[in-house]
Each structure stands twice: as C-alpha cells, then as structure tokens.
N, C-alpha and C. Protein backbone atom coordinates (compact mmCIF):
# COMPACT_ATOMS: atom_id res chain seq x y z
N MET A 1 18.05 -62.23 47.78
CA MET A 1 19.66 -61.95 48.36
C MET A 1 20.13 -60.96 47.09
N ARG A 2 20.46 -60.18 47.69
CA ARG A 2 20.87 -58.24 47.18
C ARG A 2 22.34 -58.65 47.44
N ARG A 3 22.65 -57.73 46.23
CA ARG A 3 23.94 -57.63 46.02
C ARG A 3 24.16 -56.76 45.11
N GLY A 4 25.18 -56.09 45.69
CA GLY A 4 25.44 -54.30 44.84
C GLY A 4 24.89 -53.64 44.86
N LEU A 5 24.76 -52.43 43.65
CA LEU A 5 23.28 -51.62 43.82
C LEU A 5 22.18 -51.74 43.28
N CYS A 6 22.00 -52.81 42.69
CA CYS A 6 20.93 -53.36 41.53
C CYS A 6 19.85 -54.29 42.49
N LYS A 7 18.73 -53.89 42.46
CA LYS A 7 17.43 -54.83 42.64
C LYS A 7 16.51 -55.07 42.06
N ILE A 8 16.40 -56.35 41.56
CA ILE A 8 15.41 -56.83 40.78
C ILE A 8 13.92 -57.58 41.73
N SER A 9 12.89 -57.18 41.19
CA SER A 9 11.55 -57.71 41.86
C SER A 9 10.72 -58.52 40.79
N ILE A 10 10.28 -59.64 41.05
CA ILE A 10 9.93 -60.51 40.29
C ILE A 10 8.60 -61.08 41.12
N THR A 11 7.74 -60.45 40.27
CA THR A 11 6.23 -61.33 40.05
C THR A 11 5.48 -62.31 39.61
N SER A 12 5.17 -63.22 39.99
CA SER A 12 4.58 -64.09 39.07
C SER A 12 3.57 -65.26 39.74
N LEU A 13 2.19 -65.91 39.01
CA LEU A 13 1.61 -66.56 39.64
C LEU A 13 2.25 -68.39 40.49
N LEU A 14 2.18 -68.63 41.29
CA LEU A 14 2.98 -69.69 41.88
C LEU A 14 2.55 -71.16 41.10
N GLY A 15 1.31 -71.25 40.68
CA GLY A 15 1.42 -72.67 39.85
C GLY A 15 1.70 -72.20 38.22
N ALA A 16 1.85 -70.72 37.72
CA ALA A 16 2.20 -70.98 36.32
C ALA A 16 4.15 -70.75 36.73
N LEU A 17 4.71 -70.73 37.63
CA LEU A 17 5.87 -71.03 37.97
C LEU A 17 6.41 -72.01 38.24
N LEU A 18 5.56 -73.19 38.69
CA LEU A 18 6.10 -74.59 38.70
C LEU A 18 6.16 -75.18 37.35
N ALA A 19 4.91 -75.00 36.71
CA ALA A 19 4.07 -75.46 35.68
C ALA A 19 5.03 -74.76 34.24
N ALA A 20 5.04 -73.94 34.21
CA ALA A 20 5.29 -73.39 32.76
C ALA A 20 6.91 -73.41 32.36
N SER A 21 6.98 -73.56 31.18
CA SER A 21 8.31 -73.62 30.18
C SER A 21 9.09 -72.46 30.30
N PRO A 22 10.04 -72.62 30.24
CA PRO A 22 11.01 -71.33 30.52
C PRO A 22 10.68 -70.33 29.86
N SER A 23 9.95 -70.33 28.27
CA SER A 23 9.74 -69.47 27.62
C SER A 23 8.41 -68.79 28.37
N ALA A 24 7.58 -69.69 28.98
CA ALA A 24 6.09 -69.37 29.05
C ALA A 24 6.37 -68.46 30.29
N LEU A 25 7.67 -69.03 31.17
CA LEU A 25 7.60 -68.06 32.45
C LEU A 25 8.38 -66.82 32.20
N ARG A 26 8.91 -66.53 31.26
CA ARG A 26 9.63 -65.42 30.72
C ARG A 26 8.18 -64.41 30.38
N ALA A 27 7.24 -65.07 29.69
CA ALA A 27 6.14 -64.39 29.32
C ALA A 27 5.24 -64.07 30.49
N GLN A 28 5.40 -64.58 31.67
CA GLN A 28 4.51 -64.56 32.48
C GLN A 28 5.37 -63.22 33.67
N THR A 29 6.34 -62.86 33.41
CA THR A 29 6.94 -62.12 34.36
C THR A 29 7.03 -60.86 34.19
N SER A 30 7.15 -59.73 35.27
CA SER A 30 7.55 -58.51 34.84
C SER A 30 8.13 -57.92 36.02
N GLY A 31 9.15 -56.80 35.28
CA GLY A 31 10.19 -56.58 36.21
C GLY A 31 10.02 -55.47 36.30
N THR A 32 10.76 -54.55 37.04
CA THR A 32 11.40 -53.38 36.97
C THR A 32 12.20 -52.95 37.95
N ALA A 33 13.42 -52.42 37.28
CA ALA A 33 14.90 -52.18 37.63
C ALA A 33 15.19 -50.70 37.90
N VAL A 34 15.40 -50.27 39.46
CA VAL A 34 15.89 -49.08 39.23
C VAL A 34 17.13 -49.09 40.12
N TYR A 35 17.68 -47.95 40.24
CA TYR A 35 19.35 -48.05 41.02
C TYR A 35 19.09 -47.83 42.19
N GLY A 36 19.93 -48.20 43.27
CA GLY A 36 19.61 -48.50 44.53
C GLY A 36 19.25 -47.51 44.95
N ALA A 37 19.50 -46.33 45.60
CA ALA A 37 18.73 -45.55 46.04
C ALA A 37 18.11 -44.23 45.51
N SER A 38 18.16 -44.30 44.09
CA SER A 38 18.07 -42.93 43.31
C SER A 38 16.07 -43.28 43.14
N PRO A 39 15.74 -41.82 42.53
CA PRO A 39 14.63 -41.66 42.29
C PRO A 39 14.05 -42.56 41.01
N ARG A 40 12.95 -42.67 40.69
CA ARG A 40 13.03 -43.26 39.25
C ARG A 40 12.30 -42.30 38.38
N GLU A 41 12.04 -40.94 38.25
CA GLU A 41 12.50 -40.01 37.74
C GLU A 41 13.40 -39.27 37.73
N VAL A 42 13.66 -38.82 36.65
CA VAL A 42 15.08 -37.69 36.60
C VAL A 42 14.40 -36.28 35.66
N SER A 43 14.84 -34.88 36.64
CA SER A 43 14.55 -34.19 35.83
C SER A 43 15.69 -33.31 34.95
N LEU A 44 15.40 -33.13 33.79
CA LEU A 44 16.46 -32.49 32.95
C LEU A 44 15.93 -31.45 32.84
N SER A 45 16.94 -29.90 32.20
CA SER A 45 16.87 -28.42 31.78
C SER A 45 17.15 -28.67 30.49
N ILE A 46 16.25 -28.03 29.51
CA ILE A 46 16.72 -27.90 28.28
C ILE A 46 16.51 -26.31 28.21
N ASN A 47 17.47 -25.82 27.82
CA ASN A 47 17.40 -24.10 27.62
C ASN A 47 17.24 -23.41 26.32
N VAL A 48 16.45 -23.16 26.04
CA VAL A 48 15.83 -22.39 24.67
C VAL A 48 16.42 -20.95 24.95
N THR A 49 17.04 -20.64 23.56
CA THR A 49 17.19 -19.32 23.41
C THR A 49 16.49 -18.70 22.17
N ALA A 50 16.48 -17.43 21.99
CA ALA A 50 15.78 -16.79 20.90
C ALA A 50 16.26 -15.47 20.85
N SER A 51 15.89 -14.87 19.44
CA SER A 51 16.64 -13.48 19.34
C SER A 51 15.23 -12.58 18.21
N VAL A 52 15.57 -11.38 18.59
CA VAL A 52 14.86 -10.26 17.72
C VAL A 52 15.32 -9.42 17.18
N SER A 53 15.57 -9.32 15.84
CA SER A 53 16.51 -8.16 15.30
C SER A 53 15.83 -6.96 15.20
N ALA A 54 16.46 -6.03 15.38
CA ALA A 54 15.90 -4.40 15.23
C ALA A 54 15.64 -4.19 14.47
N ALA A 55 14.46 -3.31 14.08
CA ALA A 55 13.59 -3.05 13.09
C ALA A 55 12.81 -1.75 13.27
N CYS A 56 12.85 -0.95 12.02
CA CYS A 56 12.55 0.56 12.25
C CYS A 56 11.71 1.09 11.15
N SER A 57 10.75 1.72 11.30
CA SER A 57 10.34 2.18 9.95
C SER A 57 9.20 3.15 10.19
N PHE A 58 9.03 4.13 9.38
CA PHE A 58 7.84 5.18 9.91
C PHE A 58 5.94 4.48 9.95
N SER A 59 5.94 4.89 10.93
CA SER A 59 4.34 4.32 11.30
C SER A 59 3.40 4.28 10.15
N SER A 60 2.71 3.59 9.82
CA SER A 60 1.71 3.33 8.61
C SER A 60 0.81 4.77 8.88
N GLY A 61 0.36 5.76 7.91
CA GLY A 61 -0.31 6.48 8.05
C GLY A 61 0.17 7.68 8.43
N ALA A 62 1.45 7.72 8.94
CA ALA A 62 2.25 8.58 9.39
C ALA A 62 3.99 9.20 8.86
N VAL A 63 3.69 8.98 7.92
CA VAL A 63 4.75 8.90 6.97
C VAL A 63 5.07 10.18 6.69
N PRO A 64 6.50 11.06 6.65
CA PRO A 64 6.54 11.86 6.36
C PRO A 64 6.96 12.34 4.65
N GLY A 65 5.61 12.69 4.07
CA GLY A 65 5.80 13.28 2.70
C GLY A 65 4.47 13.92 2.15
N GLY A 66 4.46 14.13 0.93
CA GLY A 66 3.82 15.23 0.24
C GLY A 66 3.97 16.88 -0.18
N THR A 67 3.49 17.02 -0.73
CA THR A 67 3.70 18.42 -1.26
C THR A 67 3.32 19.60 -0.39
N TYR A 68 3.93 20.70 -0.02
CA TYR A 68 3.42 22.02 0.67
C TYR A 68 4.28 23.17 -0.01
N SER A 69 3.29 24.24 0.38
CA SER A 69 3.89 25.54 0.05
C SER A 69 4.17 26.28 0.78
N VAL A 70 5.02 26.98 0.92
CA VAL A 70 5.75 27.78 2.25
C VAL A 70 5.09 29.33 1.82
N GLY A 71 4.51 29.85 0.25
CA GLY A 71 4.31 31.33 0.10
C GLY A 71 5.40 31.98 -0.27
N ASN A 72 5.64 32.95 -0.09
CA ASN A 72 6.34 34.02 -0.44
C ASN A 72 7.92 33.52 -0.28
N VAL A 73 8.94 33.36 -0.66
CA VAL A 73 10.16 32.88 -0.51
C VAL A 73 11.20 33.89 0.14
N GLU A 74 11.02 35.01 -0.17
CA GLU A 74 11.35 35.90 0.54
C GLU A 74 10.69 36.56 1.52
N GLY A 75 9.63 36.17 2.33
CA GLY A 75 9.37 36.37 3.31
C GLY A 75 9.80 35.31 4.43
N ALA A 76 9.12 35.31 5.98
CA ALA A 76 9.53 34.46 7.00
C ALA A 76 8.08 33.76 6.62
N TYR A 77 8.57 32.17 6.99
CA TYR A 77 7.48 31.33 6.92
C TYR A 77 8.32 30.17 7.98
N SER A 78 7.30 29.17 8.30
CA SER A 78 7.40 28.11 8.86
C SER A 78 6.55 26.93 8.65
N LEU A 79 6.66 25.98 8.43
CA LEU A 79 6.01 24.53 7.66
C LEU A 79 6.39 23.21 8.48
N ASP A 80 5.15 22.63 9.36
CA ASP A 80 6.20 21.47 9.90
C ASP A 80 5.32 20.51 9.30
N VAL A 81 5.99 19.50 9.10
CA VAL A 81 5.82 18.12 8.62
C VAL A 81 5.75 17.01 9.63
N ALA A 82 4.17 16.43 10.25
CA ALA A 82 4.52 15.69 11.42
C ALA A 82 4.87 14.38 10.84
N PHE A 83 5.15 13.63 11.83
CA PHE A 83 5.57 11.73 11.33
C PHE A 83 5.50 10.77 12.85
N SER A 84 5.68 9.73 12.69
CA SER A 84 5.72 8.99 13.89
C SER A 84 6.52 8.09 13.08
N LEU A 85 7.29 7.11 14.42
CA LEU A 85 8.20 6.21 14.32
C LEU A 85 7.62 4.74 14.76
N ARG A 86 7.57 3.91 14.24
CA ARG A 86 7.88 2.17 15.08
C ARG A 86 9.26 1.75 14.99
N CYS A 87 9.74 1.56 16.13
CA CYS A 87 10.85 0.98 16.08
C CYS A 87 11.09 0.17 17.20
N ASN A 88 11.52 -0.93 17.31
CA ASN A 88 12.03 -1.59 18.79
C ASN A 88 13.22 -1.69 19.17
N SER A 89 14.28 -0.72 18.66
CA SER A 89 15.48 -0.09 19.37
C SER A 89 15.41 1.33 19.06
N PRO A 90 16.87 1.47 19.37
CA PRO A 90 17.00 3.16 19.41
C PRO A 90 16.97 3.30 17.28
N SER A 91 17.01 4.22 17.12
CA SER A 91 17.08 4.76 15.75
C SER A 91 17.55 6.12 15.20
N ARG A 92 17.60 5.80 13.62
CA ARG A 92 18.66 7.18 13.12
C ARG A 92 17.43 7.57 11.71
N VAL A 93 17.70 9.02 12.00
CA VAL A 93 16.74 9.52 10.89
C VAL A 93 17.51 10.47 10.10
N GLY A 94 17.71 10.65 8.82
CA GLY A 94 18.43 11.32 8.26
C GLY A 94 17.63 12.12 6.98
N ILE A 95 18.10 13.24 6.63
CA ILE A 95 17.59 14.07 5.40
C ILE A 95 18.53 14.11 4.24
N VAL A 96 17.87 14.31 3.44
CA VAL A 96 18.71 14.97 2.28
C VAL A 96 18.19 16.01 1.53
N SER A 97 18.60 16.88 0.82
CA SER A 97 17.89 18.21 0.15
C SER A 97 18.63 18.05 -1.05
N ASP A 98 17.55 18.19 -1.99
CA ASP A 98 18.53 18.37 -3.55
C ASP A 98 18.66 19.06 -4.14
N ASN A 99 18.41 20.56 -3.29
CA ASN A 99 18.99 21.96 -4.27
C ASN A 99 20.05 22.56 -3.08
N GLY A 100 19.47 22.04 -1.81
CA GLY A 100 20.64 23.15 -1.09
C GLY A 100 19.58 24.56 -0.26
N GLY A 101 18.41 24.14 -0.80
CA GLY A 101 17.48 25.73 -0.79
C GLY A 101 16.31 25.75 -1.54
N MET A 102 15.50 26.77 -1.53
CA MET A 102 14.33 26.66 -2.61
C MET A 102 14.99 27.18 -3.77
N LYS A 103 14.80 26.46 -5.23
CA LYS A 103 15.85 26.76 -6.29
C LYS A 103 14.57 26.86 -7.39
N ALA A 104 14.90 28.20 -7.95
CA ALA A 104 14.00 28.48 -8.94
C ALA A 104 14.39 27.72 -10.31
N ASN A 105 13.39 27.45 -10.69
CA ASN A 105 13.96 26.54 -12.32
C ASN A 105 14.00 27.10 -13.26
N VAL A 106 14.88 28.10 -13.65
CA VAL A 106 15.07 29.29 -14.51
C VAL A 106 16.50 28.52 -15.61
N PRO A 107 16.66 29.07 -16.58
CA PRO A 107 17.90 28.62 -17.38
C PRO A 107 18.99 29.33 -16.93
N THR A 108 18.58 30.89 -17.03
CA THR A 108 19.77 31.89 -16.91
C THR A 108 19.49 32.46 -15.63
N VAL A 109 20.67 33.07 -14.61
CA VAL A 109 20.39 34.06 -13.87
C VAL A 109 21.62 35.24 -13.71
N PRO A 110 21.37 36.15 -14.01
CA PRO A 110 22.09 37.31 -13.85
C PRO A 110 22.31 37.58 -13.41
N ASN A 111 23.52 38.28 -13.37
CA ASN A 111 25.02 38.73 -12.41
C ASN A 111 24.25 39.78 -11.55
N GLY A 112 24.23 39.36 -9.83
CA GLY A 112 23.74 40.17 -8.93
C GLY A 112 22.52 39.35 -8.40
N TYR A 113 22.13 38.84 -9.35
CA TYR A 113 20.72 37.88 -8.91
C TYR A 113 21.32 36.29 -8.59
N SER A 114 20.09 36.16 -7.92
CA SER A 114 20.11 34.54 -7.37
C SER A 114 19.03 33.41 -7.62
N GLN A 115 18.64 32.61 -7.95
CA GLN A 115 18.01 31.61 -7.75
C GLN A 115 17.79 30.26 -6.75
N LEU A 116 18.37 30.71 -5.68
CA LEU A 116 18.49 29.78 -4.62
C LEU A 116 18.26 30.42 -3.49
N ALA A 117 17.15 30.53 -2.15
CA ALA A 117 16.78 30.96 -1.36
C ALA A 117 17.25 29.74 -0.21
N PRO A 118 18.19 30.08 0.78
CA PRO A 118 18.48 29.05 1.70
C PRO A 118 17.13 28.92 2.85
N TYR A 119 17.17 27.86 3.67
CA TYR A 119 16.35 27.98 4.75
C TYR A 119 16.87 27.29 5.40
N GLN A 120 15.92 26.62 6.77
CA GLN A 120 16.59 26.02 7.90
C GLN A 120 15.57 24.75 7.86
N ILE A 121 16.06 23.26 8.59
CA ILE A 121 15.35 22.47 8.93
C ILE A 121 15.61 22.03 10.15
N THR A 122 14.41 21.96 11.01
CA THR A 122 14.51 21.51 12.23
C THR A 122 14.08 20.14 12.46
N LEU A 123 14.85 19.20 13.19
CA LEU A 123 14.33 17.84 12.95
C LEU A 123 13.99 16.95 14.26
N SER A 124 12.71 17.12 14.76
CA SER A 124 12.64 16.65 16.36
C SER A 124 11.61 15.23 16.10
N LEU A 125 12.75 14.30 17.27
CA LEU A 125 12.04 12.93 17.03
C LEU A 125 11.48 12.71 18.45
N ALA A 126 10.59 11.76 18.66
CA ALA A 126 9.78 11.39 19.70
C ALA A 126 9.60 10.05 19.69
N GLY A 127 10.41 9.40 20.91
CA GLY A 127 10.10 8.00 21.52
C GLY A 127 9.02 7.84 22.64
N ASN A 128 9.02 6.67 23.03
CA ASN A 128 7.95 6.24 24.16
C ASN A 128 8.58 6.99 25.13
N ALA A 129 10.24 7.03 25.83
CA ALA A 129 10.19 7.55 26.77
C ALA A 129 11.61 8.94 26.67
N THR A 130 11.89 8.74 25.19
CA THR A 130 13.15 9.50 24.99
C THR A 130 12.68 10.50 23.65
N SER A 131 13.60 11.48 23.70
CA SER A 131 13.56 12.40 22.13
C SER A 131 14.99 12.81 22.19
N ALA A 132 14.89 13.57 20.66
CA ALA A 132 16.15 14.29 19.96
C ALA A 132 15.95 14.94 18.85
N SER A 133 16.76 16.30 19.26
CA SER A 133 16.19 17.17 18.15
C SER A 133 17.73 18.00 17.77
N ALA A 134 17.56 18.19 16.52
CA ALA A 134 18.39 19.19 15.67
C ALA A 134 18.05 20.47 15.02
N THR A 135 19.02 21.19 14.49
CA THR A 135 18.81 22.09 13.40
C THR A 135 19.75 22.43 12.49
N CYS A 136 19.69 22.37 11.48
CA CYS A 136 20.87 22.53 10.24
C CYS A 136 20.04 23.29 9.22
N GLN A 137 21.08 24.12 8.53
CA GLN A 137 20.79 25.05 7.44
C GLN A 137 20.44 23.83 6.03
N SER A 138 19.77 24.41 5.19
CA SER A 138 19.58 23.74 4.12
C SER A 138 21.03 23.17 3.07
N ALA A 139 21.72 24.21 3.09
CA ALA A 139 22.94 24.36 2.41
C ALA A 139 23.86 22.97 2.93
N THR A 140 23.64 22.67 4.24
CA THR A 140 24.62 21.40 4.49
C THR A 140 23.65 19.94 4.54
N LEU A 141 22.92 20.05 3.89
CA LEU A 141 21.88 18.81 3.89
C LEU A 141 21.75 18.05 2.11
N THR A 142 22.65 18.61 1.83
CA THR A 142 22.84 18.27 -0.03
C THR A 142 23.86 17.05 0.23
N ALA A 143 23.86 16.02 -0.86
CA ALA A 143 24.94 14.75 -0.55
C ALA A 143 26.02 15.00 -0.68
N GLY A 144 27.35 14.61 0.28
CA GLY A 144 28.19 15.14 -0.07
C GLY A 144 28.91 16.01 0.83
N THR A 145 28.10 16.82 1.36
CA THR A 145 27.87 18.24 2.01
C THR A 145 28.55 17.36 3.67
N GLY A 146 29.10 18.29 4.37
CA GLY A 146 28.62 18.06 5.95
C GLY A 146 28.34 19.20 6.75
N GLY A 147 28.53 18.97 7.96
CA GLY A 147 27.93 20.31 8.79
C GLY A 147 26.61 19.60 9.52
N CYS A 148 26.20 18.67 9.30
CA CYS A 148 24.73 18.68 9.69
C CYS A 148 24.80 17.12 10.06
N VAL A 149 24.18 17.19 11.60
CA VAL A 149 23.93 15.72 12.40
C VAL A 149 22.83 15.09 11.75
N PHE A 150 22.02 15.41 11.14
CA PHE A 150 21.09 14.40 10.35
C PHE A 150 20.88 14.32 8.93
N ARG A 151 22.38 14.77 7.93
CA ARG A 151 22.59 14.71 6.97
C ARG A 151 22.51 13.15 6.52
N GLY A 152 21.10 12.71 5.56
CA GLY A 152 21.16 11.77 5.57
C GLY A 152 21.88 11.11 3.93
N PRO A 153 21.97 9.38 3.76
CA PRO A 153 20.84 8.87 4.22
C PRO A 153 21.04 8.12 5.68
N ALA A 154 19.92 7.60 6.53
CA ALA A 154 20.51 7.54 7.47
C ALA A 154 20.77 5.83 7.35
N THR A 155 21.74 5.35 8.28
CA THR A 155 22.36 4.02 8.65
C THR A 155 22.45 3.77 9.75
N ALA A 156 22.91 2.62 10.77
CA ALA A 156 22.74 2.22 11.98
C ALA A 156 24.16 3.61 12.33
N THR A 157 24.85 4.18 12.22
CA THR A 157 25.45 4.86 12.76
C THR A 157 25.49 6.79 12.00
N ALA A 158 24.79 6.97 11.32
CA ALA A 158 24.41 8.35 10.53
C ALA A 158 23.08 8.67 10.70
N GLY A 159 22.65 10.02 10.97
CA GLY A 159 21.33 10.63 11.33
C GLY A 159 21.82 10.87 12.96
N LEU A 160 20.28 11.74 13.02
CA LEU A 160 20.01 12.00 14.27
C LEU A 160 19.52 10.79 15.06
N ARG A 161 20.23 10.47 16.14
CA ARG A 161 19.69 9.53 16.85
C ARG A 161 18.90 9.37 18.21
N LEU A 162 17.58 8.49 18.01
CA LEU A 162 16.71 8.92 18.96
C LEU A 162 16.89 7.36 19.50
N PRO A 163 17.22 7.37 21.18
CA PRO A 163 18.29 6.54 22.05
C PRO A 163 17.25 5.98 22.75
N GLY A 164 16.24 5.95 21.95
CA GLY A 164 15.03 4.34 22.68
C GLY A 164 14.08 3.76 21.78
N ALA A 165 13.44 2.91 22.00
CA ALA A 165 12.47 2.76 21.04
C ALA A 165 11.06 3.34 21.19
N SER A 166 10.21 3.08 19.73
CA SER A 166 9.20 4.35 19.64
C SER A 166 8.02 3.54 18.88
N ASP A 167 6.95 3.42 19.83
CA ASP A 167 6.08 2.27 19.32
C ASP A 167 4.74 3.53 19.17
N ASN A 168 5.10 3.90 17.64
CA ASN A 168 4.30 5.29 17.14
C ASN A 168 3.75 6.16 17.99
N ALA A 169 5.08 6.46 18.56
CA ALA A 169 4.85 7.74 19.56
C ALA A 169 4.63 9.03 18.54
N PRO A 170 3.72 9.81 19.27
CA PRO A 170 3.40 11.31 18.75
C PRO A 170 4.61 11.89 18.84
N GLY A 171 4.52 13.16 17.80
CA GLY A 171 5.66 14.33 18.62
C GLY A 171 6.69 14.37 17.53
N SER A 172 6.93 13.59 16.45
CA SER A 172 8.05 13.94 15.58
C SER A 172 7.41 14.49 14.56
N PHE A 173 8.24 15.26 14.30
CA PHE A 173 7.81 16.40 12.93
C PHE A 173 9.56 16.76 11.87
N ILE A 174 8.97 17.33 10.71
CA ILE A 174 10.45 17.99 10.41
C ILE A 174 9.85 19.71 10.10
N ARG A 175 10.53 20.67 10.53
CA ARG A 175 9.94 21.80 10.73
C ARG A 175 10.75 22.67 9.38
N ILE A 176 10.21 23.03 8.40
CA ILE A 176 10.84 23.88 7.31
C ILE A 176 11.08 25.11 7.66
N SER A 177 11.74 26.09 7.87
CA SER A 177 11.44 27.60 8.64
C SER A 177 12.55 28.42 7.85
N SER A 178 12.30 30.10 7.62
CA SER A 178 13.36 31.14 7.36
C SER A 178 12.66 32.55 8.33
N GLN A 179 13.71 32.89 8.28
CA GLN A 179 13.29 34.54 8.99
C GLN A 179 13.00 35.65 7.72
N GLY A 180 13.30 35.27 6.64
CA GLY A 180 13.35 35.99 5.69
C GLY A 180 14.48 35.93 5.09
N TYR A 181 14.23 36.10 3.78
CA TYR A 181 15.64 36.10 2.61
C TYR A 181 16.33 37.25 3.08
N THR A 182 17.82 36.98 3.24
CA THR A 182 18.53 38.11 3.69
C THR A 182 20.03 38.43 2.82
N ASP A 183 20.51 37.45 1.57
CA ASP A 183 21.66 37.55 1.09
C ASP A 183 21.49 38.78 0.35
N PRO A 184 22.39 38.87 -0.07
CA PRO A 184 22.51 40.25 -0.85
C PRO A 184 22.26 40.14 -2.11
N ALA A 185 22.17 39.03 -2.76
CA ALA A 185 21.95 38.74 -4.11
C ALA A 185 20.23 38.88 -4.25
N ILE A 186 19.58 39.60 -5.42
CA ILE A 186 18.81 39.70 -5.72
C ILE A 186 17.85 38.29 -6.18
N LEU A 187 16.63 37.56 -5.66
CA LEU A 187 15.76 36.61 -5.86
C LEU A 187 15.48 37.01 -7.38
N ILE A 188 15.65 35.76 -8.25
CA ILE A 188 15.09 35.85 -9.47
C ILE A 188 13.78 35.71 -9.74
N ALA A 189 13.05 36.60 -10.31
CA ALA A 189 11.29 36.23 -10.08
C ALA A 189 11.09 35.22 -10.83
N SER A 190 10.18 34.16 -10.08
CA SER A 190 10.00 32.85 -10.72
C SER A 190 8.51 32.24 -9.62
N ASN A 191 8.02 31.44 -10.14
CA ASN A 191 7.24 30.79 -9.38
C ASN A 191 7.25 29.41 -9.36
N SER A 192 8.70 29.24 -9.58
CA SER A 192 9.14 27.87 -9.40
C SER A 192 9.77 27.28 -8.71
N TYR A 193 9.91 27.99 -7.51
CA TYR A 193 11.21 27.72 -6.25
C TYR A 193 10.66 26.40 -5.57
N ALA A 194 11.64 25.82 -5.69
CA ALA A 194 10.94 24.15 -4.87
C ALA A 194 12.31 23.47 -4.42
N ASP A 195 12.48 22.55 -3.33
CA ASP A 195 13.57 21.63 -2.88
C ASP A 195 12.48 20.57 -2.84
N ARG A 196 13.45 19.37 -2.85
CA ARG A 196 12.71 18.13 -2.23
C ARG A 196 13.79 17.41 -1.44
N LEU A 197 12.79 17.06 -0.23
CA LEU A 197 13.85 16.47 0.80
C LEU A 197 13.53 14.81 0.83
N THR A 198 14.29 14.05 1.10
CA THR A 198 14.78 12.53 0.98
C THR A 198 14.74 12.24 2.37
N VAL A 199 13.99 11.54 2.92
CA VAL A 199 14.05 10.95 4.38
C VAL A 199 14.09 9.66 4.73
N THR A 200 14.83 9.72 5.39
CA THR A 200 15.22 7.98 5.73
C THR A 200 15.29 7.45 6.94
N ILE A 201 15.30 6.00 7.38
CA ILE A 201 15.23 6.05 9.01
C ILE A 201 15.95 4.42 8.98
N SER A 202 16.62 4.49 10.14
CA SER A 202 17.64 2.98 10.16
C SER A 202 17.35 2.84 11.64
N PRO A 203 17.66 1.18 11.70
CA PRO A 203 17.91 1.26 13.28
C PRO A 203 19.36 1.46 13.60
N ALA A 204 19.42 2.04 15.19
CA ALA A 204 21.09 2.43 15.03
C ALA A 204 21.45 1.68 16.34
N THR A 205 23.21 1.83 16.34
CA THR A 205 24.09 0.64 17.26
C THR A 205 24.34 1.70 18.37
C-alpha cells in the first residue's frame, strides 16, 4: 500500500519471516528510504575563495647598489646603474639623496667657493608590459624637499609608479649624469666629492 510521498521496500527470507521473533526479524531485514520522485544523490556547491597579497622587491642579483666613480665632477659624465623588479602588482620606486649633490668633505669653504656639485638623476622602470621614467635634479631628492616625483622613501602612494607587474623584467636603471659644472661658485679642491642614494620599493595602489 502506498501513502504519501514515502515508500519503504522490505526484502527478507520467507522462512525467517514466518519463524523469527520480532528482534530477529529486524536483524534480517534491510531497507532503503527515498523521497517520492527525487533522486538518490544530491549535488551541492561549495565556493572556496583565496587571495594573494601584493608583494614587491628588487630581483635577486639585480639590486641597485654598489660604489661607482664618475671621475672629474667638473666635467660631463653619465653613469647607469641597472636593476630589475620582481613585483606581482603595480609598484613604486623612490630615491633619497643624502647630500643633494656631490659634496666634498672639507671643514670650511671660503667665500666664492662651493663644496657641492649638483647633478641629475633619471629613474627608468621596466615591467612585463609597462614602463615609467622621470628625471629630477639632485637637490630635489634630499629628505624633506619636494619637486621630484620619485623622491623617496617609496610607499603605496609615493615614488615613481610602474603601472603593471614585473617578473624580473630587464631594462630598469638609475642614470646619474651631469652636463658639467656651471654654477658661478668655484668648486673647492677635494678628492672626496660623494653622495649616497637610498633606493626603496613598495607595492603601489
């Protein structure tokens, strides 16, 4: 007899059904219960999500660092320091100059002389499919100054922005150059003219 939406099928041995006790009967029966017209299997969907944080660094073995000589600071010079980026997102690179120019380490400077020779810096960034470049004067790269798009330190919103990812793409460089010293003050004689550039990198927003 069928009633409602539930059907129960019972399978047993006839002899056991006639002779067995109720407990034995329960032990010898098996059943399967299903809803009226529904399938025996139900498919469920489970959504799994994850994320990867933005990360950026200089490529191993291609970090902008070292000590370089430009020769006579009064003459024209150009020096390229190559590096590569390893970033899974847009990035920013910033540069800070300690002295704002090539500075001589001398105790005093007479009137009419100078111990600081300015120069310019070009920062060029290369990504997988994008690039960025800008040029600034060394005087605009000291801490607390303005006027240069890539004055560091780099943050999510400060520094020259590379708009795409870079998987160790070649072609990034820092160019330190001068067309020759032209300021009216005479450069004081010294073999200690130097500057230090600190280069930083950050994922960009």
